[in-house]
Amino acid sequence: MGLLDALDLALVGVGTCEVVPPLQAGNNFFSLAQLRDVRAAGAVGQICLRFLDAQGEPVATDLDGLVTGVTLDQLKSAKRRWIVAGGPSKYAAIRAAVVGGWADTFVTDAATARWLLSPAAAVAS
């Protein structure tokens, strides 16, 4: 795990605060109740299973202790951080990741890019 302190390239996953079918709550990630609690704490999405608010700021929760993986500090210190993500279900989470500066390279589809540049994305904050 200490090698994560010297990341050259991080390929960052972006997700929602919802259970995504065909997975079920509790299958290798968080339960419905846990996800409800992080949303109540202000989370709109997550990167590498670390939750973010609409401004891309970390939302500290007890769930951080359940994740074995890169920390947000380790991620921020990576030389390069790439996000490849898109789709309406992830709009708020992607916006949070971009606004929060969690990526220096971002690849998405045209519809997501249009939404991010639209007034609707500004209102989502």
N, C-alpha and C. Protein backbone atom coordinates (compact mmCIF):
# COMPACT_ATOMS: atom_id res chain seq x y z
N MET A 1 0.83 -1.19 0.00
CA MET A 1 0.00 0.00 0.00
C MET A 1 0.87 1.26 0.00
N GLY A 2 2.06 1.17 0.55
CA GLY A 2 2.95 2.32 0.58
C GLY A 2 3.36 2.79 -0.80
N LEU A 3 3.35 1.89 -1.79
CA LEU A 3 3.69 2.28 -3.16
C LEU A 3 2.70 3.29 -3.73
N LEU A 4 1.51 3.35 -3.17
CA LEU A 4 0.52 4.32 -3.64
C LEU A 4 0.95 5.75 -3.37
N ASP A 5 1.95 5.95 -2.50
CA ASP A 5 2.47 7.29 -2.24
C ASP A 5 3.27 7.84 -3.42
N ALA A 6 3.65 6.98 -4.35
CA ALA A 6 4.50 7.39 -5.47
C ALA A 6 3.85 7.09 -6.81
N LEU A 7 2.55 7.28 -6.92
CA LEU A 7 1.85 7.00 -8.17
C LEU A 7 2.32 7.91 -9.29
N ASP A 8 2.57 7.30 -10.44
CA ASP A 8 2.89 8.08 -11.62
C ASP A 8 1.61 8.39 -12.39
N LEU A 9 0.77 7.37 -12.56
CA LEU A 9 -0.48 7.52 -13.29
C LEU A 9 -1.60 6.83 -12.52
N ALA A 10 -2.64 7.58 -12.23
CA ALA A 10 -3.82 7.01 -11.57
C ALA A 10 -4.97 7.03 -12.57
N LEU A 11 -5.54 5.87 -12.85
CA LEU A 11 -6.74 5.77 -13.66
C LEU A 11 -7.91 5.73 -12.68
N VAL A 12 -8.64 6.81 -12.61
CA VAL A 12 -9.59 7.05 -11.53
C VAL A 12 -11.01 6.68 -11.94
N GLY A 13 -11.65 5.87 -11.11
CA GLY A 13 -13.04 5.54 -11.32
C GLY A 13 -13.95 6.57 -10.66
N VAL A 14 -15.04 6.90 -11.33
CA VAL A 14 -16.03 7.84 -10.81
C VAL A 14 -17.34 7.09 -10.68
N GLY A 15 -17.98 7.24 -9.54
CA GLY A 15 -19.25 6.56 -9.34
C GLY A 15 -20.26 7.43 -8.62
N THR A 16 -21.46 6.93 -8.58
CA THR A 16 -22.55 7.62 -7.91
C THR A 16 -22.60 7.17 -6.45
N CYS A 17 -23.59 7.64 -5.76
CA CYS A 17 -23.86 7.22 -4.38
C CYS A 17 -25.09 6.32 -4.37
N GLU A 18 -25.21 5.51 -5.38
CA GLU A 18 -26.36 4.62 -5.54
C GLU A 18 -25.87 3.21 -5.81
N VAL A 19 -26.74 2.24 -5.60
CA VAL A 19 -26.47 0.87 -6.01
C VAL A 19 -26.75 0.79 -7.51
N VAL A 20 -25.79 0.29 -8.26
CA VAL A 20 -25.91 0.23 -9.72
C VAL A 20 -26.19 -1.21 -10.13
N PRO A 21 -27.37 -1.46 -10.75
CA PRO A 21 -27.67 -2.82 -11.21
C PRO A 21 -26.63 -3.25 -12.23
N PRO A 22 -26.27 -4.50 -12.33
CA PRO A 22 -26.91 -5.65 -11.72
C PRO A 22 -26.37 -5.96 -10.32
N LEU A 23 -25.49 -5.13 -9.79
CA LEU A 23 -25.00 -5.37 -8.44
C LEU A 23 -26.12 -5.16 -7.43
N GLN A 24 -25.95 -5.73 -6.27
CA GLN A 24 -26.90 -5.54 -5.19
C GLN A 24 -26.16 -4.92 -4.02
N ALA A 25 -26.88 -4.20 -3.20
CA ALA A 25 -26.27 -3.57 -2.03
C ALA A 25 -25.51 -4.61 -1.23
N GLY A 26 -24.31 -4.28 -0.84
CA GLY A 26 -23.49 -5.17 -0.04
C GLY A 26 -22.59 -6.09 -0.84
N ASN A 27 -22.77 -6.15 -2.17
CA ASN A 27 -21.89 -6.98 -3.00
C ASN A 27 -20.61 -6.22 -3.31
N ASN A 28 -19.61 -6.39 -2.46
CA ASN A 28 -18.30 -5.80 -2.66
C ASN A 28 -18.26 -4.28 -2.52
N PHE A 29 -19.30 -3.68 -1.99
CA PHE A 29 -19.26 -2.26 -1.70
C PHE A 29 -20.25 -1.97 -0.59
N PHE A 30 -20.88 -0.83 -0.60
CA PHE A 30 -21.64 -0.36 0.54
C PHE A 30 -23.13 -0.72 0.46
N SER A 31 -23.76 -0.78 1.62
CA SER A 31 -25.19 -1.10 1.71
C SER A 31 -26.03 0.13 1.36
N LEU A 32 -27.33 -0.11 1.15
CA LEU A 32 -28.25 0.99 0.88
C LEU A 32 -28.25 2.00 2.03
N ALA A 33 -28.23 1.53 3.25
CA ALA A 33 -28.23 2.43 4.41
C ALA A 33 -26.95 3.26 4.46
N GLN A 34 -25.83 2.64 4.18
CA GLN A 34 -24.56 3.38 4.18
C GLN A 34 -24.56 4.44 3.08
N LEU A 35 -25.05 4.10 1.91
CA LEU A 35 -25.12 5.08 0.82
C LEU A 35 -26.10 6.20 1.14
N ARG A 36 -27.21 5.88 1.78
CA ARG A 36 -28.16 6.91 2.20
C ARG A 36 -27.49 7.88 3.18
N ASP A 37 -26.68 7.35 4.10
CA ASP A 37 -25.99 8.19 5.07
C ASP A 37 -24.97 9.12 4.42
N VAL A 38 -24.23 8.63 3.42
CA VAL A 38 -23.24 9.51 2.77
C VAL A 38 -23.94 10.58 1.95
N ARG A 39 -25.08 10.25 1.34
CA ARG A 39 -25.83 11.29 0.62
C ARG A 39 -26.35 12.33 1.61
N ALA A 40 -26.81 11.88 2.77
CA ALA A 40 -27.29 12.82 3.80
C ALA A 40 -26.15 13.71 4.30
N ALA A 41 -24.92 13.21 4.24
CA ALA A 41 -23.75 13.99 4.66
C ALA A 41 -23.28 14.95 3.56
N GLY A 42 -23.95 14.91 2.39
CA GLY A 42 -23.64 15.85 1.31
C GLY A 42 -22.93 15.26 0.12
N ALA A 43 -22.69 13.97 0.09
CA ALA A 43 -21.99 13.36 -1.04
C ALA A 43 -22.88 13.30 -2.27
N VAL A 44 -22.28 13.60 -3.44
CA VAL A 44 -23.00 13.47 -4.72
C VAL A 44 -22.38 12.39 -5.59
N GLY A 45 -21.22 11.91 -5.20
CA GLY A 45 -20.53 10.89 -5.98
C GLY A 45 -19.26 10.46 -5.27
N GLN A 46 -18.50 9.60 -5.97
CA GLN A 46 -17.27 9.12 -5.37
C GLN A 46 -16.21 8.86 -6.43
N ILE A 47 -14.99 8.97 -6.01
CA ILE A 47 -13.85 8.57 -6.82
C ILE A 47 -13.06 7.56 -6.00
N CYS A 48 -12.78 6.44 -6.61
CA CYS A 48 -12.05 5.36 -5.92
C CYS A 48 -12.68 5.02 -4.58
N LEU A 49 -14.01 5.06 -4.52
CA LEU A 49 -14.81 4.77 -3.32
C LEU A 49 -14.59 5.78 -2.19
N ARG A 50 -14.11 6.97 -2.54
CA ARG A 50 -13.97 8.08 -1.58
C ARG A 50 -15.00 9.13 -2.00
N PHE A 51 -15.84 9.54 -1.08
CA PHE A 51 -17.00 10.37 -1.40
C PHE A 51 -16.66 11.85 -1.49
N LEU A 52 -17.36 12.53 -2.44
CA LEU A 52 -17.17 13.96 -2.70
C LEU A 52 -18.51 14.68 -2.65
N ASP A 53 -18.46 15.96 -2.24
CA ASP A 53 -19.66 16.80 -2.32
C ASP A 53 -19.72 17.46 -3.70
N ALA A 54 -20.70 18.31 -3.93
CA ALA A 54 -20.91 18.93 -5.24
C ALA A 54 -19.74 19.80 -5.67
N GLN A 55 -18.97 20.30 -4.73
CA GLN A 55 -17.82 21.14 -5.05
C GLN A 55 -16.52 20.33 -5.18
N GLY A 56 -16.64 19.00 -5.09
CA GLY A 56 -15.47 18.15 -5.22
C GLY A 56 -14.65 18.03 -3.96
N GLU A 57 -15.20 18.49 -2.86
CA GLU A 57 -14.51 18.38 -1.56
C GLU A 57 -14.82 17.02 -0.94
N PRO A 58 -13.85 16.44 -0.26
CA PRO A 58 -14.09 15.15 0.39
C PRO A 58 -15.21 15.23 1.44
N VAL A 59 -15.99 14.19 1.49
CA VAL A 59 -17.00 14.02 2.54
C VAL A 59 -16.49 12.89 3.43
N ALA A 60 -16.02 13.26 4.58
CA ALA A 60 -15.46 12.26 5.50
C ALA A 60 -16.58 11.43 6.11
N THR A 61 -16.43 10.11 6.02
CA THR A 61 -17.41 9.21 6.60
C THR A 61 -16.67 8.03 7.23
N ASP A 62 -17.39 7.27 8.01
CA ASP A 62 -16.82 6.06 8.59
C ASP A 62 -16.47 5.03 7.51
N LEU A 63 -17.04 5.19 6.33
CA LEU A 63 -16.79 4.23 5.25
C LEU A 63 -15.35 4.29 4.75
N ASP A 64 -14.67 5.41 4.94
CA ASP A 64 -13.27 5.52 4.51
C ASP A 64 -12.43 4.41 5.13
N GLY A 65 -12.73 4.05 6.36
CA GLY A 65 -11.97 3.00 7.03
C GLY A 65 -12.24 1.60 6.48
N LEU A 66 -13.29 1.46 5.70
CA LEU A 66 -13.63 0.16 5.12
C LEU A 66 -12.98 -0.06 3.75
N VAL A 67 -12.41 1.00 3.18
CA VAL A 67 -11.85 0.91 1.83
C VAL A 67 -10.36 0.62 1.92
N THR A 68 -9.95 -0.44 1.25
CA THR A 68 -8.53 -0.75 1.10
C THR A 68 -8.15 -0.29 -0.30
N GLY A 69 -7.45 0.80 -0.37
CA GLY A 69 -7.09 1.36 -1.67
C GLY A 69 -6.50 2.73 -1.51
N VAL A 70 -6.34 3.39 -2.63
CA VAL A 70 -5.71 4.70 -2.64
C VAL A 70 -6.52 5.69 -1.79
N THR A 71 -5.82 6.51 -1.04
CA THR A 71 -6.47 7.58 -0.28
C THR A 71 -6.57 8.81 -1.16
N LEU A 72 -7.38 9.77 -0.76
CA LEU A 72 -7.49 10.99 -1.55
C LEU A 72 -6.17 11.76 -1.54
N ASP A 73 -5.45 11.74 -0.44
CA ASP A 73 -4.13 12.41 -0.40
C ASP A 73 -3.17 11.75 -1.39
N GLN A 74 -3.17 10.44 -1.44
CA GLN A 74 -2.30 9.74 -2.39
C GLN A 74 -2.72 10.04 -3.83
N LEU A 75 -4.01 10.09 -4.06
CA LEU A 75 -4.51 10.39 -5.39
C LEU A 75 -4.10 11.80 -5.82
N LYS A 76 -4.29 12.77 -4.94
CA LYS A 76 -3.93 14.17 -5.26
C LYS A 76 -2.45 14.31 -5.58
N SER A 77 -1.61 13.49 -4.96
CA SER A 77 -0.17 13.62 -5.18
C SER A 77 0.34 12.83 -6.38
N ALA A 78 -0.53 12.08 -7.05
CA ALA A 78 -0.13 11.34 -8.25
C ALA A 78 0.30 12.33 -9.33
N LYS A 79 1.32 11.96 -10.09
CA LYS A 79 1.82 12.85 -11.14
C LYS A 79 0.77 13.12 -12.21
N ARG A 80 0.00 12.10 -12.56
CA ARG A 80 -1.07 12.24 -13.56
C ARG A 80 -2.28 11.49 -13.06
N ARG A 81 -3.47 12.11 -13.27
CA ARG A 81 -4.73 11.51 -12.83
C ARG A 81 -5.72 11.58 -13.99
N TRP A 82 -6.12 10.42 -14.48
CA TRP A 82 -7.03 10.36 -15.61
C TRP A 82 -8.39 9.83 -15.17
N ILE A 83 -9.43 10.48 -15.65
CA ILE A 83 -10.80 10.00 -15.46
C ILE A 83 -11.39 9.72 -16.84
N VAL A 84 -11.99 8.56 -16.99
CA VAL A 84 -12.76 8.21 -18.17
C VAL A 84 -14.14 7.83 -17.65
N ALA A 85 -15.12 8.69 -17.90
CA ALA A 85 -16.46 8.46 -17.35
C ALA A 85 -17.48 9.26 -18.15
N GLY A 86 -18.71 8.80 -18.12
CA GLY A 86 -19.77 9.53 -18.80
C GLY A 86 -21.13 8.96 -18.48
N GLY A 87 -22.13 9.62 -18.97
CA GLY A 87 -23.50 9.17 -18.82
C GLY A 87 -24.28 9.98 -17.81
N PRO A 88 -25.58 10.15 -18.07
CA PRO A 88 -26.43 10.97 -17.21
C PRO A 88 -26.43 10.56 -15.74
N SER A 89 -26.35 9.29 -15.46
CA SER A 89 -26.39 8.87 -14.05
C SER A 89 -25.16 9.34 -13.27
N LYS A 90 -24.10 9.68 -13.98
CA LYS A 90 -22.87 10.10 -13.32
C LYS A 90 -22.58 11.59 -13.44
N TYR A 91 -23.48 12.36 -14.02
CA TYR A 91 -23.23 13.79 -14.24
C TYR A 91 -22.75 14.50 -12.97
N ALA A 92 -23.49 14.38 -11.89
CA ALA A 92 -23.12 15.10 -10.66
C ALA A 92 -21.78 14.63 -10.12
N ALA A 93 -21.54 13.34 -10.16
CA ALA A 93 -20.27 12.80 -9.66
C ALA A 93 -19.10 13.24 -10.52
N ILE A 94 -19.29 13.23 -11.84
CA ILE A 94 -18.22 13.67 -12.75
C ILE A 94 -17.93 15.15 -12.54
N ARG A 95 -19.00 15.95 -12.43
CA ARG A 95 -18.81 17.38 -12.20
C ARG A 95 -18.02 17.61 -10.92
N ALA A 96 -18.36 16.90 -9.85
CA ALA A 96 -17.65 17.05 -8.58
C ALA A 96 -16.16 16.70 -8.74
N ALA A 97 -15.88 15.62 -9.46
CA ALA A 97 -14.49 15.21 -9.66
C ALA A 97 -13.70 16.25 -10.45
N VAL A 98 -14.34 16.81 -11.48
CA VAL A 98 -13.67 17.81 -12.31
C VAL A 98 -13.48 19.11 -11.54
N VAL A 99 -14.55 19.60 -10.91
CA VAL A 99 -14.49 20.86 -10.16
C VAL A 99 -13.48 20.75 -9.01
N GLY A 100 -13.42 19.58 -8.39
CA GLY A 100 -12.51 19.38 -7.27
C GLY A 100 -11.05 19.21 -7.67
N GLY A 101 -10.79 19.16 -8.98
CA GLY A 101 -9.41 19.03 -9.44
C GLY A 101 -8.83 17.63 -9.25
N TRP A 102 -9.69 16.63 -9.27
CA TRP A 102 -9.24 15.26 -9.03
C TRP A 102 -8.65 14.61 -10.26
N ALA A 103 -8.72 15.29 -11.40
CA ALA A 103 -8.15 14.74 -12.63
C ALA A 103 -7.43 15.83 -13.39
N ASP A 104 -6.37 15.45 -14.09
CA ASP A 104 -5.74 16.40 -15.01
C ASP A 104 -6.03 16.03 -16.46
N THR A 105 -6.59 14.84 -16.67
CA THR A 105 -7.03 14.41 -17.99
C THR A 105 -8.41 13.78 -17.83
N PHE A 106 -9.33 14.23 -18.67
CA PHE A 106 -10.71 13.77 -18.55
C PHE A 106 -11.22 13.38 -19.93
N VAL A 107 -11.69 12.16 -20.06
CA VAL A 107 -12.24 11.65 -21.31
C VAL A 107 -13.71 11.30 -21.06
N THR A 108 -14.58 11.81 -21.93
CA THR A 108 -16.01 11.54 -21.76
C THR A 108 -16.70 11.53 -23.12
N ASP A 109 -17.99 11.31 -23.10
CA ASP A 109 -18.79 11.34 -24.32
C ASP A 109 -19.29 12.76 -24.57
N ALA A 110 -19.77 13.02 -25.77
CA ALA A 110 -20.20 14.36 -26.16
C ALA A 110 -21.37 14.87 -25.30
N ALA A 111 -22.32 14.00 -24.99
CA ALA A 111 -23.48 14.44 -24.20
C ALA A 111 -23.06 14.88 -22.80
N THR A 112 -22.15 14.15 -22.18
CA THR A 112 -21.67 14.53 -20.85
C THR A 112 -20.91 15.84 -20.93
N ALA A 113 -20.08 16.00 -21.94
CA ALA A 113 -19.33 17.25 -22.10
C ALA A 113 -20.27 18.43 -22.27
N ARG A 114 -21.31 18.26 -23.10
CA ARG A 114 -22.29 19.34 -23.28
C ARG A 114 -22.97 19.68 -21.95
N TRP A 115 -23.33 18.66 -21.18
CA TRP A 115 -23.98 18.91 -19.89
C TRP A 115 -23.05 19.67 -18.95
N LEU A 116 -21.79 19.27 -18.89
CA LEU A 116 -20.83 19.93 -18.01
C LEU A 116 -20.64 21.40 -18.36
N LEU A 117 -20.81 21.74 -19.63
CA LEU A 117 -20.66 23.13 -20.08
C LEU A 117 -21.97 23.91 -20.04
N SER A 118 -23.06 23.25 -19.70
CA SER A 118 -24.37 23.88 -19.72
C SER A 118 -24.69 24.60 -18.42
N PRO A 119 -25.67 25.50 -18.47
CA PRO A 119 -26.12 26.15 -17.23
C PRO A 119 -26.66 25.14 -16.21
N ALA A 120 -27.18 24.01 -16.66
CA ALA A 120 -27.70 23.00 -15.73
C ALA A 120 -26.59 22.48 -14.80
N ALA A 121 -25.39 22.36 -15.33
CA ALA A 121 -24.27 21.88 -14.50
C ALA A 121 -23.92 22.91 -13.44
N ALA A 122 -23.99 24.19 -13.79
CA ALA A 122 -23.70 25.24 -12.81
C ALA A 122 -24.73 25.24 -11.69
N VAL A 123 -25.98 24.97 -12.03
CA VAL A 123 -27.06 24.93 -11.05
C VAL A 123 -26.87 23.71 -10.13
N ALA A 124 -26.26 22.64 -10.65
CA ALA A 124 -26.07 21.41 -9.88
C ALA A 124 -25.14 21.61 -8.69
N SER A 125 -24.43 22.71 -8.69
CA SER A 125 -23.53 22.95 -7.55
C SER A 125 -24.34 23.49 -6.43
